Protein backbone atom coordinates (compact mmCIF):
# COMPACT_ATOMS: atom_id res chain seq x y z
CA MET A 1 72.06 140.26 74.49
CA ASN A 2 72.87 138.25 71.35
CA PHE A 3 73.22 134.53 71.97
CA TRP A 4 75.00 133.97 68.64
CA VAL A 5 77.84 136.00 70.16
CA VAL A 6 78.00 133.66 73.16
CA LEU A 7 77.97 130.58 70.93
CA ILE A 8 80.75 131.84 68.63
CA LEU A 9 82.95 132.92 71.53
CA PHE A 10 82.43 129.69 73.46
CA PHE A 11 82.87 127.19 70.63
CA SER A 12 85.83 128.96 69.00
CA ALA A 13 87.77 128.66 72.27
CA PHE A 14 86.54 125.21 73.28
CA LEU A 15 86.95 123.56 69.87
CA GLY A 16 90.30 125.28 69.36
CA GLY A 17 91.53 123.75 72.61
CA ALA A 18 89.87 120.35 72.16
CA SER A 19 91.49 119.97 68.73
CA ILE A 20 94.75 119.20 70.57
CA PHE A 21 93.49 115.62 70.87
CA PHE A 22 93.35 115.33 67.07
CA PHE A 23 96.61 117.16 66.35
CA ARG A 24 99.06 115.80 68.88
CA LYS A 25 102.05 116.82 66.76
CA ASP A 26 103.26 120.38 66.40
CA MET A 27 101.10 122.15 63.82
CA GLY A 28 104.13 124.24 62.81
CA LYS A 29 103.55 126.37 59.75
CA ASN A 30 99.73 126.02 59.81
CA LEU A 31 99.48 127.39 63.34
CA LYS A 32 101.80 130.27 62.43
CA LEU A 33 99.59 131.15 59.45
CA ILE A 34 96.49 131.20 61.67
CA LEU A 35 98.37 133.39 64.14
CA SER A 36 99.50 135.79 61.41
CA PHE A 37 95.97 136.11 60.05
CA SER A 38 94.38 136.63 63.47
CA GLY A 39 97.12 139.06 64.57
CA ALA A 40 96.68 141.21 61.46
CA TYR A 41 92.88 141.20 61.80
CA LEU A 42 93.08 142.03 65.51
CA PHE A 43 95.50 144.90 64.91
CA ALA A 44 93.38 146.29 62.05
CA ILE A 45 90.08 146.31 63.97
CA THR A 46 91.86 147.90 66.94
CA VAL A 47 93.18 150.76 64.82
CA LEU A 48 90.13 151.17 62.58
CA HIS A 49 87.30 150.67 65.07
CA LEU A 50 88.22 150.40 68.74
CA ILE A 51 90.63 153.35 69.16
CA PRO A 52 88.34 155.88 67.37
CA ASP A 53 85.35 154.64 69.41
CA ALA A 54 87.22 154.94 72.69
CA TYR A 55 88.24 158.55 71.97
CA GLN A 56 84.72 159.55 70.94
CA SER A 57 83.84 159.50 74.63
CA HIS A 58 86.03 162.62 75.10
CA ASP A 59 87.48 161.03 78.23
CA ARG A 60 90.94 162.53 78.63
CA TYR A 61 92.12 159.47 80.56
CA VAL A 62 91.44 156.88 77.81
CA GLY A 63 95.09 156.96 76.71
CA ILE A 64 96.20 156.13 80.24
CA PHE A 65 93.93 153.08 80.26
CA ILE A 66 95.31 151.97 76.87
CA MET A 67 98.81 152.14 78.35
CA ALA A 68 97.57 150.30 81.45
CA GLY A 69 96.09 147.52 79.30
CA PHE A 70 99.33 147.17 77.36
CA LEU A 71 101.40 146.93 80.54
CA PHE A 72 98.83 144.67 82.23
CA GLN A 73 99.13 142.20 79.34
CA LEU A 74 102.90 142.28 79.79
CA ILE A 75 102.42 141.32 83.45
CA LEU A 76 99.95 138.56 82.56
CA GLU A 77 102.50 137.02 80.23
CA LEU A 78 104.88 136.54 83.15
CA PHE A 79 102.42 133.91 84.36
CA SER A 80 100.98 132.63 81.07
CA ASN A 81 104.29 132.27 79.14
CA GLY A 82 102.68 133.81 76.05
CA VAL A 83 99.98 131.15 75.61
CA GLU A 84 97.41 133.84 74.74
CA HIS A 85 99.20 134.53 71.46
CA GLY A 86 99.74 130.89 70.58
CA HIS A 87 103.11 130.12 72.14
CA ILE A 88 103.48 126.43 72.91
CA HIS A 89 106.36 125.70 75.25
CA HIS A 90 107.45 122.07 75.17
CA GLN A 91 108.29 120.89 78.61
CA HIS A 92 110.68 118.03 79.27
CA GLN A 93 109.53 116.44 82.47
CA HIS A 94 111.26 113.46 84.01
CA ASN A 95 108.18 112.44 85.98
CA HIS A 96 104.65 111.95 84.75
CA LYS A 97 102.70 113.31 87.70
CA ALA A 98 99.78 115.58 86.87
CA ALA A 99 100.72 119.25 87.36
CA PHE A 100 98.16 122.03 87.17
CA PRO A 101 99.60 125.22 85.60
CA ALA A 102 97.64 127.57 87.86
CA GLY A 103 99.42 130.76 86.79
CA ILE A 104 98.74 130.12 83.12
CA MET A 105 95.10 129.23 83.69
CA VAL A 106 94.28 132.18 85.96
CA SER A 107 96.02 134.76 83.76
CA LEU A 108 94.38 133.41 80.59
CA CYS A 109 90.94 133.43 82.18
CA LEU A 110 91.37 137.00 83.41
CA HIS A 111 92.63 138.02 79.98
CA ALA A 112 89.65 136.37 78.24
CA PHE A 113 87.14 137.90 80.68
CA LEU A 114 88.44 141.41 80.03
CA GLU A 115 88.25 140.86 76.27
CA GLY A 116 84.52 140.21 76.57
CA MET A 117 83.79 143.39 78.49
CA PRO A 118 83.45 145.87 75.55
CA LEU A 119 81.14 143.59 73.55
CA ALA A 120 77.97 145.23 74.83
CA GLN A 121 79.01 148.43 73.05
CA GLY A 122 79.56 149.26 69.34
CA HIS A 123 81.32 147.33 66.54
CA GLN A 124 80.24 144.07 68.12
CA GLN A 125 80.54 141.97 64.97
CA GLU A 126 84.16 142.95 64.23
CA LEU A 127 85.16 142.42 67.87
CA VAL A 128 83.46 139.03 68.13
CA PHE A 129 85.23 137.59 65.11
CA GLY A 130 88.53 139.17 66.13
CA ILE A 131 88.35 137.61 69.61
CA ALA A 132 87.15 134.27 68.22
CA LEU A 133 90.04 134.10 65.73
CA HIS A 134 92.51 135.04 68.44
CA HIS A 135 91.18 132.39 70.85
CA ILE A 136 91.54 129.44 68.47
CA PRO A 137 95.37 129.28 68.57
CA ALA A 138 95.40 130.51 72.20
CA ALA A 139 93.10 127.67 73.29
CA PHE A 140 95.12 125.18 71.24
CA ALA A 141 98.27 126.32 73.03
CA LEU A 142 96.50 126.07 76.41
CA GLY A 143 95.32 122.54 75.59
CA SER A 144 98.87 121.63 74.62
CA VAL A 145 100.24 122.94 77.92
CA LEU A 146 97.61 121.02 79.90
CA LEU A 147 98.37 117.86 77.92
CA GLN A 148 102.12 118.23 78.47
CA ASN A 149 101.45 118.52 82.22
CA HIS A 150 99.87 115.04 82.10
CA LEU A 151 96.40 116.09 83.24
CA PRO A 152 93.62 113.55 82.57
CA LYS A 153 91.54 114.12 79.45
CA LYS A 154 88.40 114.91 81.49
CA SER A 155 90.28 117.54 83.49
CA ILE A 156 91.64 119.13 80.32
CA LEU A 157 88.17 119.31 78.76
CA PHE A 158 86.75 120.80 81.98
CA LEU A 159 89.47 123.49 82.08
CA LEU A 160 88.90 124.27 78.40
CA VAL A 161 85.18 124.75 79.16
CA VAL A 162 86.09 127.13 82.00
CA PHE A 163 88.38 129.11 79.68
CA ALA A 164 85.76 129.14 76.90
CA LEU A 165 83.17 130.59 79.31
CA MET A 166 85.35 133.53 80.36
CA THR A 167 84.80 135.83 77.36
CA PRO A 168 81.01 135.15 77.26
CA GLY A 169 81.12 135.87 81.00
CA GLY A 170 82.77 139.23 80.35
CA TYR A 171 80.18 139.97 77.66
CA PHE A 172 77.32 139.06 80.01
CA THR A 173 78.78 141.24 82.78
CA SER A 174 79.17 144.22 80.44
CA TYR A 175 75.63 143.67 79.17
CA LEU A 176 74.27 143.84 82.73
CA LEU A 177 76.29 146.98 83.40
CA SER A 178 75.05 148.63 80.20
CA THR A 179 71.40 147.97 81.06
CA THR A 180 71.50 149.01 84.71
CA ASN A 181 70.54 152.51 85.73
CA THR A 182 72.27 152.36 89.07
CA ALA A 183 75.62 154.02 89.75
CA GLY A 184 75.98 155.15 86.10
CA LEU A 185 78.44 152.35 85.34
CA GLN A 186 77.95 152.67 81.59
CA HIS A 187 80.12 155.79 81.71
CA TYR A 188 83.20 153.63 82.25
CA PHE A 189 82.92 151.56 79.06
CA ALA A 190 85.43 153.79 77.27
CA ARG A 191 87.99 153.06 79.98
CA ILE A 192 87.27 149.33 79.85
CA MET A 193 87.66 149.57 76.07
CA GLY A 194 90.98 151.35 76.62
CA ILE A 195 92.29 148.42 78.66
CA VAL A 196 91.19 145.95 75.99
CA ILE A 197 92.77 148.11 73.26
CA GLY A 198 96.08 148.00 75.12
CA ILE A 199 95.80 144.21 75.46
CA PHE A 200 94.95 143.82 71.75
CA LEU A 201 97.82 146.09 70.67
CA HIS A 202 100.30 144.07 72.69
CA ILE A 203 99.02 140.69 71.50
CA SER A 204 98.61 141.58 67.82
CA THR A 205 102.03 143.23 67.48
CA THR A 206 103.69 140.36 69.34
CA ILE A 207 102.05 137.86 66.98
CA LEU A 208 103.09 139.80 63.89
CA PHE A 209 106.71 140.15 65.02
CA GLU A 210 107.16 136.62 66.35
CA SER A 211 105.17 134.41 63.97
CA SER A 212 108.06 133.97 61.52
CA SER A 213 111.35 132.20 62.16
CA ASP A 214 114.27 134.59 62.67
CA HIS A 215 112.03 137.45 61.44
CA LYS A 216 112.71 136.47 57.81
CA PHE A 217 110.39 137.37 54.94
CA ASN A 218 107.76 134.68 54.45
CA LEU A 219 105.37 134.91 51.49
CA ARG A 220 102.69 132.70 53.10
CA LYS A 221 102.75 134.83 56.25
CA MET A 222 102.55 138.03 54.19
CA VAL A 223 99.49 136.71 52.33
CA ALA A 224 97.84 135.74 55.64
CA VAL A 225 98.54 139.22 57.06
CA LEU A 226 97.16 140.95 53.95
CA ILE A 227 94.01 138.81 54.00
CA GLY A 228 93.42 139.53 57.70
CA SER A 229 93.96 143.26 57.22
CA GLY A 230 91.87 143.27 54.03
CA ILE A 231 88.86 141.67 55.70
CA ALA A 232 88.98 144.29 58.47
CA LEU A 233 89.22 147.08 55.86
CA ILE A 234 86.24 145.70 53.91
CA ALA A 235 84.18 145.63 57.11
CA PHE A 236 85.30 149.19 57.90
CA PHE A 237 84.22 150.62 54.53
CA ALA A 238 81.02 148.56 54.53
CA ASN A 239 79.98 150.17 57.82
CA ALA A 240 81.22 153.67 56.93
């Protein structure tokens, strides 16, 4: 088990969420650029690395699990309101009582845990950076939601720590499963990967389609998308 993976996954999510205290105002165009970059990178590593790896297992049901992951992410978004791909929904509350958004928190934590599951298997480096990049705006959006619900600062930081631990928790769980000789659980990694592929496909395409206003051409977004895709392509050819 690589502890640098745990550190990157934890601090990308925690610092991304904690930065809400330094950027109280809407980040606007900068957040959209980060989203475009991370969405393009996530889509590229899914197509170049994760899908070919999943089908190398010769499991005829992998496609079903990819579809299941895609649909599962759609269900999660009913509770999370799209926070996992950086959507920040401004709420206009007439009272200032603390309100805990349980649906958002639970769905995001489950989403993050599943993303960590395939990390014990191949292409770890590409996956780690893809997840880390994706979690920065997601955690920022989560922090914004918690702040808008008037939770105390200590409670927000605690919840961000919980969220930041989810993907390392998934990685640790998959590592234990990959090293155990009981029940042959390692056989199911391709199916777990299929679920994560479906989740990544949904998130990355949603980011790419929704990160520009009115779906108009935006040169800065296009550059961010090309850079994200280019980095994934360089990694692909470097490991070929």
